[in-house]
Amino acid sequence: MKDPYVAEVRKHRMEHTKQFNSDLHLICEDLRRFESSLGDRVVTLEPRRIQPTKRPRESQ
């Protein structure tokens, strides 16, 4: 079953890619420029700390 939302996102992504002739550097540059124009609407989360798991001590 095709998801219409996924299809729409892929369509717009392909259109955006074609604007920059599939040049990844230019695509990323454009996305960074767009992101910077959003100001405080972009959420940046702190990295999550992974809690170490305690291993049982090996008997010697």
C-alpha atoms as a PDB file:
ATOM      1  CA  MET A   1       0.000   0.000   0.000  1.00  0.00           C
ATOM      2  CA  LYS A   2       1.374   3.407  -0.935  1.00  0.00           C
ATOM      3  CA  ASP A   3       1.237   6.122   1.668  1.00  0.00           C
ATOM      4  CA  PRO A   4       0.014   9.387   0.091  1.00  0.00           C
ATOM      5  CA  TYR A   5       1.973  11.492   2.602  1.00  0.00           C
ATOM      6  CA  VAL A   6       5.229   9.710   1.825  1.00  0.00           C
ATOM      7  CA  ALA A   7       4.535  10.076  -1.891  1.00  0.00           C
ATOM      8  CA  GLU A   8       3.977  13.817  -1.501  1.00  0.00           C
ATOM      9  CA  VAL A   9       7.180  14.288   0.514  1.00  0.00           C
ATOM     10  CA  ARG A  10       9.157  12.333  -2.085  1.00  0.00           C
ATOM     11  CA  LYS A  11       7.637  14.414  -4.897  1.00  0.00           C
ATOM     12  CA  HIS A  12       8.680  17.699  -3.259  1.00  0.00           C
ATOM     13  CA  ARG A  13      12.109  16.330  -2.370  1.00  0.00           C
ATOM     14  CA  MET A  14      12.656  15.311  -6.012  1.00  0.00           C
ATOM     15  CA  GLU A  15      11.582  18.757  -7.224  1.00  0.00           C
ATOM     16  CA  HIS A  16      14.019  20.363  -4.790  1.00  0.00           C
ATOM     17  CA  THR A  17      16.790  18.016  -5.929  1.00  0.00           C
ATOM     18  CA  LYS A  18      16.185  18.880  -9.591  1.00  0.00           C
ATOM     19  CA  GLN A  19      16.550  22.614  -8.821  1.00  0.00           C
ATOM     20  CA  PHE A  20      20.171  21.957  -7.868  1.00  0.00           C
ATOM     21  CA  ASN A  21      20.959  19.301 -10.496  1.00  0.00           C
ATOM     22  CA  SER A  22      21.364  16.675  -7.745  1.00  0.00           C
ATOM     23  CA  ASP A  23      24.371  18.545  -6.295  1.00  0.00           C
ATOM     24  CA  LEU A  24      24.319  17.498  -2.645  1.00  0.00           C
ATOM     25  CA  HIS A  25      26.533  20.393  -1.553  1.00  0.00           C
ATOM     26  CA  LEU A  26      24.126  22.952  -3.044  1.00  0.00           C
ATOM     27  CA  ILE A  27      21.065  21.150  -1.671  1.00  0.00           C
ATOM     28  CA  CYS A  28      22.490  21.150   1.868  1.00  0.00           C
ATOM     29  CA  GLU A  29      23.532  24.789   1.541  1.00  0.00           C
ATOM     30  CA  ASP A  30      19.981  25.714   0.527  1.00  0.00           C
ATOM     31  CA  LEU A  31      18.503  23.723   3.430  1.00  0.00           C
ATOM     32  CA  ARG A  32      20.877  25.420   5.900  1.00  0.00           C
ATOM     33  CA  ARG A  33      19.880  28.825   4.515  1.00  0.00           C
ATOM     34  CA  PHE A  34      16.194  27.925   4.893  1.00  0.00           C
ATOM     35  CA  GLU A  35      16.754  26.619   8.430  1.00  0.00           C
ATOM     36  CA  SER A  36      18.529  29.818   9.462  1.00  0.00           C
ATOM     37  CA  SER A  37      15.567  31.857   8.212  1.00  0.00           C
ATOM     38  CA  LEU A  38      13.270  30.035  10.659  1.00  0.00           C
ATOM     39  CA  GLY A  39      14.942  31.562  13.709  1.00  0.00           C
ATOM     40  CA  ASP A  40      13.571  30.180  16.963  1.00  0.00           C
ATOM     41  CA  ARG A  41      11.126  27.829  15.221  1.00  0.00           C
ATOM     42  CA  VAL A  42      13.851  25.155  14.980  1.00  0.00           C
ATOM     43  CA  VAL A  43      14.287  23.017  18.076  1.00  0.00           C
ATOM     44  CA  THR A  44      17.766  21.809  18.957  1.00  0.00           C
ATOM     45  CA  LEU A  45      17.791  19.162  21.629  1.00  0.00           C
ATOM     46  CA  GLU A  46      20.694  18.358  23.910  1.00  0.00           C
ATOM     47  CA  PRO A  47      22.371  15.049  23.140  1.00  0.00           C
ATOM     48  CA  ARG A  48      21.067  12.218  25.273  1.00  0.00           C
ATOM     49  CA  ARG A  49      23.558  10.633  27.615  1.00  0.00           C
ATOM     50  CA  ILE A  50      23.632   6.881  27.447  1.00  0.00           C
ATOM     51  CA  GLN A  51      23.649   5.369  30.892  1.00  0.00           C
ATOM     52  CA  PRO A  52      26.274   2.648  31.215  1.00  0.00           C
ATOM     53  CA  THR A  53      24.888  -0.736  32.087  1.00  0.00           C
ATOM     54  CA  LYS A  54      26.377  -2.548  35.032  1.00  0.00           C
ATOM     55  CA  ARG A  55      27.934  -5.833  34.123  1.00  0.00           C
ATOM     56  CA  PRO A  56      28.304  -8.565  36.666  1.00  0.00           C
ATOM     57  CA  ARG A  57      31.915  -8.926  37.706  1.00  0.00           C
ATOM     58  CA  GLU A  58      33.641 -11.895  36.250  1.00  0.00           C
ATOM     59  CA  SER A  59      35.006 -14.214  38.863  1.00  0.00           C
ATOM     60  CA  GLN A  60      38.744 -14.678  38.690  1.00  0.00           C
END
